[in-house]
């Protein structure tokens, strides 16, 4: 977007956050008007009246969620530019955001400079992710790559270790020698950079390689 000032719709159910962000955005030279909504219904009412140059949305609202709102905005305005502003850092939410048709995401833990930079970047046609969002995604990607490095047999051994089986029991279970299991165990310890069996299991659970309730 160039030449004209932007109209922005800001959606958040926390009044202090809503007004605080509105105040900051209103001071930006790129902005004409900032409209606010504290619920999905209120947001849709405004959206049905007119399009906006940018939609700044929270993913948690009292009567809907940001993902449903994104879908409805996209249905009405396929070229809509959307920035998510959320406090949630849960892995499943961040993964879902990366698959959503949005142009940026800011965690509320980010400083206000990142918010204004995100708005400026998106209004110019770019995309923006705040530093912490990028950091979490980079960690997730590294974890996914680590998972891919484990062989099927190593996964079987890892799951057996998590269940409390010793080397001989795992060997009997998988019909291989104890030396083979020890080899797999050493490989797992190296790949996950674990100090011992307990550390190995804890890291595997933390990385999502095996479930927390593995029994």
Protein backbone atom coordinates (compact mmCIF):
# COMPACT_ATOMS: atom_id res chain seq x y z
CA UNK A 1 0.00 0.00 0.00
CA UNK A 2 1.44 3.38 -1.01
CA UNK A 3 0.21 6.96 -1.29
CA UNK A 4 -2.87 6.82 0.91
CA UNK A 5 -3.25 6.34 4.63
CA UNK A 6 -4.64 3.10 5.99
CA UNK A 7 -7.75 2.21 7.90
CA UNK A 8 -7.15 -0.54 10.45
CA UNK A 9 -9.49 -2.83 12.36
CA UNK A 10 -8.14 -3.83 15.75
CA UNK A 11 -9.86 -6.76 17.49
CA UNK A 12 -9.08 -7.70 21.11
CA UNK A 13 -11.32 -8.48 24.08
CA UNK A 14 -8.95 -6.93 26.65
CA UNK A 15 -9.96 -3.29 26.98
CA UNK A 16 -6.62 -1.99 28.25
CA UNK A 17 -4.70 -3.78 25.50
CA UNK A 18 -7.21 -2.65 22.88
CA UNK A 19 -6.99 1.01 23.86
CA UNK A 20 -3.25 0.89 24.41
CA UNK A 21 -2.54 -0.53 20.96
CA UNK A 22 -5.08 1.81 19.41
CA UNK A 23 -3.27 4.80 20.92
CA UNK A 24 0.10 3.63 19.56
CA UNK A 25 -1.21 2.81 16.08
CA UNK A 26 -3.10 6.09 15.84
CA UNK A 27 0.20 7.96 16.16
CA UNK A 28 1.68 6.26 13.09
CA UNK A 29 1.98 8.46 10.01
CA UNK A 30 0.75 5.61 7.79
CA UNK A 31 -2.59 5.36 9.60
CA UNK A 32 -5.79 7.30 8.95
CA UNK A 33 -8.34 5.67 11.27
CA UNK A 34 -8.25 2.82 13.77
CA UNK A 35 -11.53 0.98 14.34
CA UNK A 36 -11.86 -1.33 17.35
CA UNK A 37 -13.94 -4.35 18.27
CA UNK A 38 -13.91 -6.42 21.46
CA UNK A 39 -15.78 -9.47 20.14
CA UNK A 40 -16.16 -11.50 16.98
CA UNK A 41 -19.73 -10.27 16.46
CA UNK A 42 -18.66 -6.65 16.79
CA UNK A 43 -15.78 -7.24 14.40
CA UNK A 44 -18.02 -8.90 11.80
CA UNK A 45 -20.48 -6.02 12.01
CA UNK A 46 -17.70 -3.60 11.08
CA UNK A 47 -16.27 -5.94 8.44
CA UNK A 48 -19.66 -6.23 6.74
CA UNK A 49 -19.85 -2.46 6.43
CA UNK A 50 -16.46 -1.90 4.81
CA UNK A 51 -13.07 -3.46 4.05
CA UNK A 52 -9.96 -2.43 5.96
CA UNK A 53 -6.36 -2.10 4.80
CA UNK A 54 -5.22 -4.22 7.73
CA UNK A 55 -6.89 -6.45 10.31
CA UNK A 56 -5.06 -6.84 13.64
CA UNK A 57 -6.62 -9.78 15.47
CA UNK A 58 -6.26 -11.70 18.71
CA UNK A 59 -6.80 -15.47 18.39
CA UNK A 60 -8.95 -15.71 21.52
CA UNK A 61 -12.25 -13.84 21.68
CA UNK A 62 -15.29 -14.32 23.96
CA UNK A 63 -17.66 -15.44 21.21
CA UNK A 64 -15.34 -16.93 18.58
CA UNK A 65 -11.67 -17.51 17.86
CA UNK A 66 -9.26 -15.72 15.59
CA UNK A 67 -9.01 -18.63 13.18
CA UNK A 68 -12.75 -18.54 12.45
CA UNK A 69 -12.57 -14.78 12.09
CA UNK A 70 -9.65 -15.09 9.67
CA UNK A 71 -11.70 -17.48 7.55
CA UNK A 72 -14.71 -15.15 7.47
CA UNK A 73 -12.58 -12.14 6.57
CA UNK A 74 -10.90 -14.10 3.78
CA UNK A 75 -14.25 -15.24 2.41
CA UNK A 76 -15.47 -11.65 2.15
CA UNK A 77 -12.16 -10.01 1.22
CA UNK A 78 -9.77 -12.56 -0.36
CA UNK A 79 -6.94 -10.00 -0.52
CA UNK A 80 -7.29 -8.95 3.13
CA UNK A 81 -4.03 -8.39 4.98
CA UNK A 82 -4.10 -9.87 8.49
CA UNK A 83 -1.78 -9.49 11.47
CA UNK A 84 -2.25 -11.73 14.51
CA UNK A 85 -1.45 -10.24 17.92
CA UNK A 86 -1.62 -12.89 20.63
CA UNK A 87 -0.32 -13.80 24.07
CA UNK A 88 -0.50 -17.53 23.31
CA UNK A 89 2.75 -19.36 22.70
CA UNK A 90 1.32 -22.89 22.71
CA UNK A 91 2.99 -24.97 20.02
CA UNK A 92 -0.27 -26.08 18.40
CA UNK A 93 -1.44 -22.47 18.05
CA UNK A 94 1.83 -21.32 16.52
CA UNK A 95 1.84 -24.23 14.09
CA UNK A 96 -1.75 -23.47 13.11
CA UNK A 97 -0.87 -19.82 12.56
CA UNK A 98 1.93 -20.77 10.16
CA UNK A 99 -0.66 -22.61 8.05
CA UNK A 100 -3.22 -19.78 8.14
CA UNK A 101 -3.56 -17.16 5.37
CA UNK A 102 -2.09 -14.36 7.46
CA UNK A 103 0.66 -11.86 6.72
CA UNK A 104 2.21 -11.61 10.16
CA UNK A 105 2.14 -12.61 13.80
CA UNK A 106 3.19 -10.73 16.91
CA UNK A 107 3.32 -12.16 20.42
CA UNK A 108 2.10 -9.72 23.07
CA UNK A 109 5.40 -10.24 24.86
CA UNK A 110 7.07 -8.39 21.96
CA UNK A 111 7.92 -4.72 22.38
CA UNK A 112 5.77 -2.03 20.79
CA UNK A 113 8.45 -1.30 18.18
CA UNK A 114 7.91 -4.75 16.68
CA UNK A 115 4.18 -4.11 16.43
CA UNK A 116 4.64 -0.84 14.54
CA UNK A 117 7.32 -2.43 12.36
CA UNK A 118 4.98 -5.33 11.57
CA UNK A 119 2.20 -2.94 10.57
CA UNK A 120 4.51 -0.89 8.38
CA UNK A 121 5.94 -4.00 6.73
CA UNK A 122 2.55 -5.56 6.00
CA UNK A 123 1.05 -2.32 4.68
CA UNK A 124 3.98 -2.17 2.24
CA UNK A 125 3.10 -5.66 0.99
CA UNK A 126 5.50 -7.71 3.10
CA UNK A 127 5.16 -10.30 5.84
CA UNK A 128 6.36 -10.10 9.44
CA UNK A 129 6.95 -12.46 12.35
CA UNK A 130 8.20 -11.12 15.68
CA UNK A 131 11.58 -12.28 16.96
CA UNK A 132 10.22 -14.66 19.59
CA UNK A 133 7.79 -16.26 17.13
CA UNK A 134 10.72 -16.87 14.76
CA UNK A 135 12.80 -18.27 17.61
CA UNK A 136 10.07 -20.75 18.59
CA UNK A 137 9.55 -21.80 14.97
CA UNK A 138 13.28 -22.30 14.48
CA UNK A 139 13.33 -24.54 17.56
CA UNK A 140 10.37 -26.53 16.25
CA UNK A 141 12.08 -27.00 12.90
CA UNK A 142 15.23 -28.20 14.63
CA UNK A 143 13.16 -30.66 16.67
CA UNK A 144 11.43 -31.95 13.55
CA UNK A 145 14.80 -32.48 11.88
CA UNK A 146 15.99 -34.39 14.94
CA UNK A 147 12.94 -36.64 14.83
CA UNK A 148 13.67 -37.42 11.19
CA UNK A 149 17.20 -38.51 12.14
CA UNK A 150 15.91 -41.33 14.36
CA UNK A 151 15.48 -44.69 12.66
CA UNK A 152 12.40 -46.83 13.17
CA UNK A 153 14.43 -49.25 15.31
CA UNK A 154 15.79 -46.39 17.42
CA UNK A 155 12.23 -45.21 18.00
CA UNK A 156 11.27 -48.70 19.17
CA UNK A 157 14.22 -48.82 21.55
CA UNK A 158 13.47 -45.31 22.82
CA UNK A 159 9.85 -46.21 23.54
CA UNK A 160 10.95 -49.35 25.37
CA UNK A 161 13.43 -47.37 27.47
CA UNK A 162 10.63 -44.92 28.33
CA UNK A 163 8.56 -47.87 29.55
CA UNK A 164 11.33 -48.82 31.94
CA UNK A 165 12.68 -51.89 30.14
CA UNK A 166 16.38 -52.75 30.54
CA UNK A 167 18.72 -53.77 27.74
CA UNK A 168 18.05 -57.52 28.04
CA UNK A 169 14.27 -57.01 28.14
CA UNK A 170 14.38 -54.77 25.07
CA UNK A 171 16.59 -57.28 23.26
CA UNK A 172 14.10 -60.07 24.00
CA UNK A 173 11.19 -57.85 22.98
CA UNK A 174 12.76 -56.92 19.62
CA UNK A 175 14.43 -60.31 19.05
CA UNK A 176 17.94 -58.91 18.70
CA UNK A 177 21.14 -59.13 20.72
CA UNK A 178 21.93 -57.07 23.77
CA UNK A 179 24.89 -55.56 21.92
CA UNK A 180 22.56 -54.31 19.20
CA UNK A 181 20.34 -52.61 21.78
CA UNK A 182 23.37 -51.04 23.44
CA UNK A 183 24.43 -49.70 20.04
CA UNK A 184 21.01 -48.16 19.50
CA UNK A 185 21.05 -46.75 23.03
CA UNK A 186 24.43 -45.06 22.43
CA UNK A 187 23.16 -43.63 19.14
CA UNK A 188 20.07 -42.22 20.85
CA UNK A 189 22.15 -40.70 23.65
CA UNK A 190 24.36 -39.03 21.08
CA UNK A 191 21.56 -37.70 18.86
CA UNK A 192 19.56 -36.30 21.78
CA UNK A 193 22.71 -35.22 23.65
CA UNK A 194 21.47 -37.03 26.75
CA UNK A 195 23.56 -37.82 29.85
CA UNK A 196 21.68 -40.94 30.93
CA UNK A 197 18.46 -42.90 30.34
CA UNK A 198 16.33 -40.55 32.45
CA UNK A 199 17.70 -37.50 30.63
CA UNK A 200 17.12 -39.30 27.32
CA UNK A 201 13.44 -39.94 28.07
CA UNK A 202 12.85 -36.44 29.43
CA UNK A 203 14.37 -34.86 26.31
CA UNK A 204 12.39 -37.15 24.03
CA UNK A 205 9.16 -36.12 25.79
CA UNK A 206 10.10 -32.42 25.69
CA UNK A 207 10.78 -32.66 21.96
CA UNK A 208 7.50 -34.44 21.35
CA UNK A 209 9.25 -37.55 20.03
CA UNK A 210 7.36 -39.73 22.51
CA UNK A 211 4.15 -38.85 24.40
CA UNK A 212 4.21 -37.81 28.04
CA UNK A 213 2.05 -40.81 29.01
CA UNK A 214 4.22 -43.38 27.24
CA UNK A 215 3.79 -46.57 29.28
